[in-house]
All heavy atoms as atom14 arrays in JSON, in Angstrom:
{
  "sequence": "IDPVKGRFTISRDNAKNTAYLQMNGLKPEDTA",
  "atom14_mask": [
    [1, 1, 1, 1, 1, 1, 1, 1, 0, 0, 0, 0, 0, 0],
    [1, 1, 1, 1, 1, 1, 1, 1, 0, 0, 0, 0, 0, 0],
    [1, 1, 1, 1, 1, 1, 1, 0, 0, 0, 0, 0, 0, 0],
    [1, 1, 1, 1, 1, 1, 1, 0, 0, 0, 0, 0, 0, 0],
    [1, 1, 1, 1, 1, 1, 1, 1, 1, 0, 0, 0, 0, 0],
    [1, 1, 1, 1, 0, 0, 0, 0, 0, 0, 0, 0, 0, 0],
    [1, 1, 1, 1, 1, 1, 1, 1, 1, 1, 1, 0, 0, 0],
    [1, 1, 1, 1, 1, 1, 1, 1, 1, 1, 1, 0, 0, 0],
    [1, 1, 1, 1, 1, 1, 1, 0, 0, 0, 0, 0, 0, 0],
    [1, 1, 1, 1, 1, 1, 1, 1, 0, 0, 0, 0, 0, 0],
    [1, 1, 1, 1, 1, 1, 0, 0, 0, 0, 0, 0, 0, 0],
    [1, 1, 1, 1, 1, 1, 1, 1, 1, 1, 1, 0, 0, 0],
    [1, 1, 1, 1, 1, 1, 1, 1, 0, 0, 0, 0, 0, 0],
    [1, 1, 1, 1, 1, 1, 1, 1, 0, 0, 0, 0, 0, 0],
    [1, 1, 1, 1, 1, 0, 0, 0, 0, 0, 0, 0, 0, 0],
    [1, 1, 1, 1, 1, 1, 1, 1, 1, 0, 0, 0, 0, 0],
    [1, 1, 1, 1, 1, 1, 1, 1, 0, 0, 0, 0, 0, 0],
    [1, 1, 1, 1, 1, 1, 1, 0, 0, 0, 0, 0, 0, 0],
    [1, 1, 1, 1, 1, 0, 0, 0, 0, 0, 0, 0, 0, 0],
    [1, 1, 1, 1, 1, 1, 1, 1, 1, 1, 1, 1, 0, 0],
    [1, 1, 1, 1, 1, 1, 1, 1, 0, 0, 0, 0, 0, 0],
    [1, 1, 1, 1, 1, 1, 1, 1, 1, 0, 0, 0, 0, 0],
    [1, 1, 1, 1, 1, 1, 1, 1, 0, 0, 0, 0, 0, 0],
    [1, 1, 1, 1, 1, 1, 1, 1, 0, 0, 0, 0, 0, 0],
    [1, 1, 1, 1, 0, 0, 0, 0, 0, 0, 0, 0, 0, 0],
    [1, 1, 1, 1, 1, 1, 1, 1, 0, 0, 0, 0, 0, 0],
    [1, 1, 1, 1, 1, 1, 1, 1, 1, 0, 0, 0, 0, 0],
    [1, 1, 1, 1, 1, 1, 1, 0, 0, 0, 0, 0, 0, 0],
    [1, 1, 1, 1, 1, 1, 1, 1, 1, 0, 0, 0, 0, 0],
    [1, 1, 1, 1, 1, 1, 1, 1, 0, 0, 0, 0, 0, 0],
    [1, 1, 1, 1, 1, 1, 1, 0, 0, 0, 0, 0, 0, 0],
    [1, 1, 1, 1, 1, 0, 0, 0, 0, 0, 0, 0, 0, 0]
  ],
  "atom14_positions": [
    [[-18.74, -57.33, -39.46], [-19.69, -57.77, -40.47], [-20.25, -56.54, -41.16], [-20.31, -55.44, -40.59], [-20.82, -58.64, -39.88], [-21.63, -57.87, -38.83], [-20.24, -59.92, -39.3], [-22.89, -58.6, -38.38], [0.0, 0.0, 0.0], [0.0, 0.0, 0.0], [0.0, 0.0, 0.0], [0.0, 0.0, 0.0], [0.0, 0.0, 0.0], [0.0, 0.0, 0.0]],
    [[-20.7, -56.72, -42.4], [-21.13, -55.59, -43.21], [-22.22, -54.73, -42.57], [-22.16, -53.5, -42.68], [-21.59, -56.08, -44.58], [-20.44, -56.51, -45.46], [-19.28, -56.15, -45.16], [-20.69, -57.21, -46.46], [0.0, 0.0, 0.0], [0.0, 0.0, 0.0], [0.0, 0.0, 0.0], [0.0, 0.0, 0.0], [0.0, 0.0, 0.0], [0.0, 0.0, 0.0]],
    [[-23.24, -55.3, -41.9], [-24.3, -54.44, -41.36], [-23.84, -53.42, -40.32], [-24.53, -52.42, -40.11], [-25.28, -55.44, -40.72], [-25.05, -56.71, -41.47], [-23.58, -56.72, -41.76], [0.0, 0.0, 0.0], [0.0, 0.0, 0.0], [0.0, 0.0, 0.0], [0.0, 0.0, 0.0], [0.0, 0.0, 0.0], [0.0, 0.0, 0.0], [0.0, 0.0, 0.0]],
    [[-22.7, -53.64, -39.68], [-22.23, -52.7, -38.66], [-21.0, -51.93, -39.1], [-20.58, -50.99, -38.41], [-21.95, -53.4, -37.32], [-23.15, -54.25, -36.9], [-20.69, -54.24, -37.39], [0.0, 0.0, 0.0], [0.0, 0.0, 0.0], [0.0, 0.0, 0.0], [0.0, 0.0, 0.0], [0.0, 0.0, 0.0], [0.0, 0.0, 0.0], [0.0, 0.0, 0.0]],
    [[-20.43, -52.29, -40.21], [-19.21, -51.64, -40.68], [-19.45, -50.16, -40.92], [-20.43, -49.77, -41.56], [-18.72, -52.32, -41.95], [-17.3, -51.95, -42.36], [-16.81, -52.86, -43.5], [-16.75, -54.31, -43.07], [-16.23, -55.19, -44.15], [0.0, 0.0, 0.0], [0.0, 0.0, 0.0], [0.0, 0.0, 0.0], [0.0, 0.0, 0.0], [0.0, 0.0, 0.0]],
    [[-18.57, -49.33, -40.39], [-18.7, -47.9, -40.51], [-19.53, -47.26, -39.42], [-19.52, -46.02, -39.29], [0.0, 0.0, 0.0], [0.0, 0.0, 0.0], [0.0, 0.0, 0.0], [0.0, 0.0, 0.0], [0.0, 0.0, 0.0], [0.0, 0.0, 0.0], [0.0, 0.0, 0.0], [0.0, 0.0, 0.0], [0.0, 0.0, 0.0], [0.0, 0.0, 0.0]],
    [[-20.25, -48.06, -38.64], [-21.07, -47.55, -37.54], [-20.54, -47.97, -36.17], [-20.65, -47.21, -35.21], [-22.51, -48.01, -37.68], [-23.2, -47.54, -38.96], [-24.69, -47.87, -38.94], [-24.93, -49.31, -38.91], [-25.6, -49.95, -37.96], [-26.11, -49.27, -36.93], [-25.78, -51.26, -38.02], [0.0, 0.0, 0.0], [0.0, 0.0, 0.0], [0.0, 0.0, 0.0]],
    [[-20.0, -49.18, -36.09], [-19.5, -49.72, -34.83], [-17.98, -49.72, -34.84], [-17.35, -49.93, -35.89], [-19.98, -51.15, -34.61], [-21.46, -51.3, -34.37], [-22.34, -50.24, -34.5], [-21.97, -52.53, -34.0], [-23.7, -50.39, -34.29], [-23.32, -52.7, -33.78], [-24.19, -51.63, -33.92], [0.0, 0.0, 0.0], [0.0, 0.0, 0.0], [0.0, 0.0, 0.0]],
    [[-17.38, -49.53, -33.68], [-15.94, -49.58, -33.53], [-15.57, -50.41, -32.32], [-16.0, -50.11, -31.2], [-15.33, -48.17, -33.38], [-15.69, -47.36, -34.5], [-13.81, -48.27, -33.3], [0.0, 0.0, 0.0], [0.0, 0.0, 0.0], [0.0, 0.0, 0.0], [0.0, 0.0, 0.0], [0.0, 0.0, 0.0], [0.0, 0.0, 0.0], [0.0, 0.0, 0.0]],
    [[-14.79, -51.46, -32.53], [-14.3, -52.28, -31.44], [-12.92, -51.79, -31.02], [-12.12, -51.36, -31.85], [-14.26, -53.77, -31.85], [-13.95, -54.67, -30.65], [-13.26, -54.01, -32.98], [-14.1, -56.16, -30.94], [0.0, 0.0, 0.0], [0.0, 0.0, 0.0], [0.0, 0.0, 0.0], [0.0, 0.0, 0.0], [0.0, 0.0, 0.0], [0.0, 0.0, 0.0]],
    [[-12.65, -51.83, -29.73], [-11.35, -51.41, -29.23], [-11.02, -52.19, -27.97], [-11.88, -52.86, -27.39], [-11.31, -49.9, -28.98], [-12.25, -49.52, -27.99], [0.0, 0.0, 0.0], [0.0, 0.0, 0.0], [0.0, 0.0, 0.0], [0.0, 0.0, 0.0], [0.0, 0.0, 0.0], [0.0, 0.0, 0.0], [0.0, 0.0, 0.0], [0.0, 0.0, 0.0]],
    [[-9.77, -52.08, -27.55], [-9.34, -52.76, -26.33], [-8.34, -51.9, -25.59], [-7.56, -51.15, -26.2], [-8.74, -54.13, -26.65], [-7.48, -54.08, -27.51], [-7.11, -55.46, -28.02], [-6.74, -56.35, -26.94], [-6.79, -57.68, -27.01], [-7.22, -58.28, -28.12], [-6.42, -58.42, -25.97], [0.0, 0.0, 0.0], [0.0, 0.0, 0.0], [0.0, 0.0, 0.0]],
    [[-8.34, -52.0, -24.28], [-7.39, -51.33, -23.42], [-6.83, -52.4, -22.49], [-7.42, -52.71, -21.46], [-8.04, -50.2, -22.65], [-7.05, -49.35, -21.88], [-5.95, -49.84, -21.55], [-7.36, -48.18, -21.62], [0.0, 0.0, 0.0], [0.0, 0.0, 0.0], [0.0, 0.0, 0.0], [0.0, 0.0, 0.0], [0.0, 0.0, 0.0], [0.0, 0.0, 0.0]],
    [[-5.69, -52.95, -22.88], [-5.13, -54.05, -22.1], [-4.73, -53.63, -20.69], [-4.83, -54.42, -19.75], [-3.91, -54.64, -22.83], [-4.3, -55.38, -24.09], [-5.48, -55.67, -24.33], [-3.3, -55.71, -24.91], [0.0, 0.0, 0.0], [0.0, 0.0, 0.0], [0.0, 0.0, 0.0], [0.0, 0.0, 0.0], [0.0, 0.0, 0.0], [0.0, 0.0, 0.0]],
    [[-4.3, -52.38, -20.54], [-3.92, -51.89, -19.22], [-5.11, -51.87, -18.26], [-4.95, -52.06, -17.06], [-3.3, -50.51, -19.32], [0.0, 0.0, 0.0], [0.0, 0.0, 0.0], [0.0, 0.0, 0.0], [0.0, 0.0, 0.0], [0.0, 0.0, 0.0], [0.0, 0.0, 0.0], [0.0, 0.0, 0.0], [0.0, 0.0, 0.0], [0.0, 0.0, 0.0]],
    [[-6.3, -51.62, -18.79], [-7.51, -51.61, -17.99], [-8.25, -52.94, -18.03], [-9.3, -53.07, -17.4], [-8.44, -50.5, -18.46], [-7.9, -49.1, -18.27], [-8.89, -48.05, -18.73], [-8.35, -46.65, -18.52], [-9.3, -45.61, -18.99], [0.0, 0.0, 0.0], [0.0, 0.0, 0.0], [0.0, 0.0, 0.0], [0.0, 0.0, 0.0], [0.0, 0.0, 0.0]],
    [[-7.72, -53.9, -18.78], [-8.34, -55.21, -18.91], [-9.79, -55.1, -19.38], [-10.68, -55.83, -18.92], [-8.28, -55.99, -17.59], [-7.48, -57.27, -17.71], [-6.48, -57.33, -18.43], [-7.9, -58.29, -16.98], [0.0, 0.0, 0.0], [0.0, 0.0, 0.0], [0.0, 0.0, 0.0], [0.0, 0.0, 0.0], [0.0, 0.0, 0.0], [0.0, 0.0, 0.0]],
    [[-10.02, -54.22, -20.34], [-11.36, -53.91, -20.78], [-11.43, -53.8, -22.3], [-10.52, -53.26, -22.93], [-11.86, -52.6, -20.15], [-11.81, -52.72, -18.73], [-13.29, -52.32, -20.56], [0.0, 0.0, 0.0], [0.0, 0.0, 0.0], [0.0, 0.0, 0.0], [0.0, 0.0, 0.0], [0.0, 0.0, 0.0], [0.0, 0.0, 0.0], [0.0, 0.0, 0.0]],
    [[-12.51, -54.31, -22.88], [-12.81, -54.14, -24.28], [-14.05, -53.28, -24.43], [-14.88, -53.19, -23.51], [-13.03, -55.49, -24.96], [0.0, 0.0, 0.0], [0.0, 0.0, 0.0], [0.0, 0.0, 0.0], [0.0, 0.0, 0.0], [0.0, 0.0, 0.0], [0.0, 0.0, 0.0], [0.0, 0.0, 0.0], [0.0, 0.0, 0.0], [0.0, 0.0, 0.0]],
    [[-14.19, -52.65, -25.59], [-15.28, -51.72, -25.82], [-15.91, -51.95, -27.19], [-15.26, -52.44, -28.12], [-14.8, -50.28, -25.76], [-14.08, -49.91, -24.49], [-12.69, -50.0, -24.41], [-14.79, -49.49, -23.37], [-12.03, -49.67, -23.24], [-14.13, -49.16, -22.2], [-12.76, -49.24, -22.14], [-12.1, -48.92, -20.98], [0.0, 0.0, 0.0], [0.0, 0.0, 0.0]],
    [[-17.16, -51.57, -27.3], [-17.83, -51.49, -28.58], [-18.59, -50.18, -28.64], [-19.59, -50.0, -27.95], [-18.79, -52.67, -28.8], [-19.46, -52.71, -30.17], [-18.43, -53.03, -31.26], [-20.59, -53.73, -30.2], [0.0, 0.0, 0.0], [0.0, 0.0, 0.0], [0.0, 0.0, 0.0], [0.0, 0.0, 0.0], [0.0, 0.0, 0.0], [0.0, 0.0, 0.0]],
    [[-18.09, -49.25, -29.45], [-18.77, -47.99, -29.67], [-19.76, -48.18, -30.81], [-19.36, -48.56, -31.91], [-17.77, -46.89, -30.01], [-18.4, -45.53, -30.28], [-19.04, -44.92, -29.06], [-18.44, -44.92, -27.99], [-20.26, -44.42, -29.2], [0.0, 0.0, 0.0], [0.0, 0.0, 0.0], [0.0, 0.0, 0.0], [0.0, 0.0, 0.0], [0.0, 0.0, 0.0]],
    [[-21.02, -47.9, -30.56], [-22.08, -48.1, -31.53], [-22.72, -46.76, -31.84], [-23.32, -46.13, -30.97], [-23.12, -49.08, -31.01], [-22.54, -50.42, -30.6], [-23.82, -51.64, -30.18], [-24.52, -50.86, -28.72], [0.0, 0.0, 0.0], [0.0, 0.0, 0.0], [0.0, 0.0, 0.0], [0.0, 0.0, 0.0], [0.0, 0.0, 0.0], [0.0, 0.0, 0.0]],
    [[-22.57, -46.32, -33.08], [-23.14, -45.06, -33.54], [-24.16, -45.33, -34.64], [-24.15, -46.38, -35.28], [-22.04, -44.14, -34.08], [-21.02, -43.76, -33.04], [-21.33, -43.6, -31.86], [-19.77, -43.61, -33.47], [0.0, 0.0, 0.0], [0.0, 0.0, 0.0], [0.0, 0.0, 0.0], [0.0, 0.0, 0.0], [0.0, 0.0, 0.0], [0.0, 0.0, 0.0]],
    [[-25.03, -44.36, -34.86], [-26.04, -44.5, -35.9], [-26.88, -45.74, -35.73], [-27.16, -46.45, -36.71], [0.0, 0.0, 0.0], [0.0, 0.0, 0.0], [0.0, 0.0, 0.0], [0.0, 0.0, 0.0], [0.0, 0.0, 0.0], [0.0, 0.0, 0.0], [0.0, 0.0, 0.0], [0.0, 0.0, 0.0], [0.0, 0.0, 0.0], [0.0, 0.0, 0.0]],
    [[-27.32, -46.01, -34.52], [-28.05, -47.24, -34.23], [-29.37, -47.3, -34.98], [-30.05, -46.29, -35.16], [-28.27, -47.38, -32.74], [-27.02, -47.83, -31.97], [-27.17, -47.54, -30.48], [-26.77, -49.31, -32.21], [0.0, 0.0, 0.0], [0.0, 0.0, 0.0], [0.0, 0.0, 0.0], [0.0, 0.0, 0.0], [0.0, 0.0, 0.0], [0.0, 0.0, 0.0]],
    [[-29.72, -48.51, -35.39], [-30.94, -48.78, -36.13], [-31.79, -49.78, -35.36], [-31.25, -50.57, -34.58], [-30.6, -49.36, -37.51], [-29.67, -48.5, -38.34], [-29.29, -49.21, -39.63], [-28.36, -48.36, -40.47], [-27.97, -49.06, -41.73], [0.0, 0.0, 0.0], [0.0, 0.0, 0.0], [0.0, 0.0, 0.0], [0.0, 0.0, 0.0], [0.0, 0.0, 0.0]],
    [[-33.11, -49.79, -35.58], [-33.95, -50.78, -34.9], [-33.49, -52.21, -35.1], [-33.62, -53.03, -34.18], [-35.34, -50.54, -35.51], [-35.33, -49.09, -35.87], [-33.92, -48.81, -36.34], [0.0, 0.0, 0.0], [0.0, 0.0, 0.0], [0.0, 0.0, 0.0], [0.0, 0.0, 0.0], [0.0, 0.0, 0.0], [0.0, 0.0, 0.0], [0.0, 0.0, 0.0]],
    [[-32.95, -52.53, -36.25], [-32.47, -53.88, -36.51], [-31.22, -54.25, -35.71], [-30.8, -55.41, -35.73], [-32.22, -54.1, -38.01], [-31.36, -53.04, -38.66], [-32.17, -51.97, -39.37], [-33.17, -51.5, -38.8], [-31.8, -51.59, -40.5], [0.0, 0.0, 0.0], [0.0, 0.0, 0.0], [0.0, 0.0, 0.0], [0.0, 0.0, 0.0], [0.0, 0.0, 0.0]],
    [[-30.63, -53.29, -35.01], [-29.53, -53.59, -34.11], [-30.0, -54.11, -32.76], [-29.17, -54.51, -31.94], [-28.67, -52.34, -33.89], [-27.96, -51.88, -35.14], [-27.46, -52.73, -35.91], [-27.89, -50.65, -35.35], [0.0, 0.0, 0.0], [0.0, 0.0, 0.0], [0.0, 0.0, 0.0], [0.0, 0.0, 0.0], [0.0, 0.0, 0.0], [0.0, 0.0, 0.0]],
    [[-31.3, -54.08, -32.51], [-31.84, -54.54, -31.24], [-31.49, -56.0, -31.02], [-31.79, -56.87, -31.85], [-33.36, -54.35, -31.21], [-33.66, -52.95, -31.26], [-33.95, -54.94, -29.93], [0.0, 0.0, 0.0], [0.0, 0.0, 0.0], [0.0, 0.0, 0.0], [0.0, 0.0, 0.0], [0.0, 0.0, 0.0], [0.0, 0.0, 0.0], [0.0, 0.0, 0.0]],
    [[-30.85, -56.29, -29.9], [-30.39, -57.64, -29.6], [-29.75, -57.65, -28.22], [-29.51, -56.6, -27.61], [-29.37, -58.12, -30.64], [0.0, 0.0, 0.0], [0.0, 0.0, 0.0], [0.0, 0.0, 0.0], [0.0, 0.0, 0.0], [0.0, 0.0, 0.0], [0.0, 0.0, 0.0], [0.0, 0.0, 0.0], [0.0, 0.0, 0.0], [0.0, 0.0, 0.0]]
  ]
}
């Protein structure tokens, strides 16, 4: 979604059965 585009990165590692969300440049409105 636009509010996180360019700041957040989603990724997956199927071998580790794990997904990730890297969140950079966090803002107070990201609180949730």
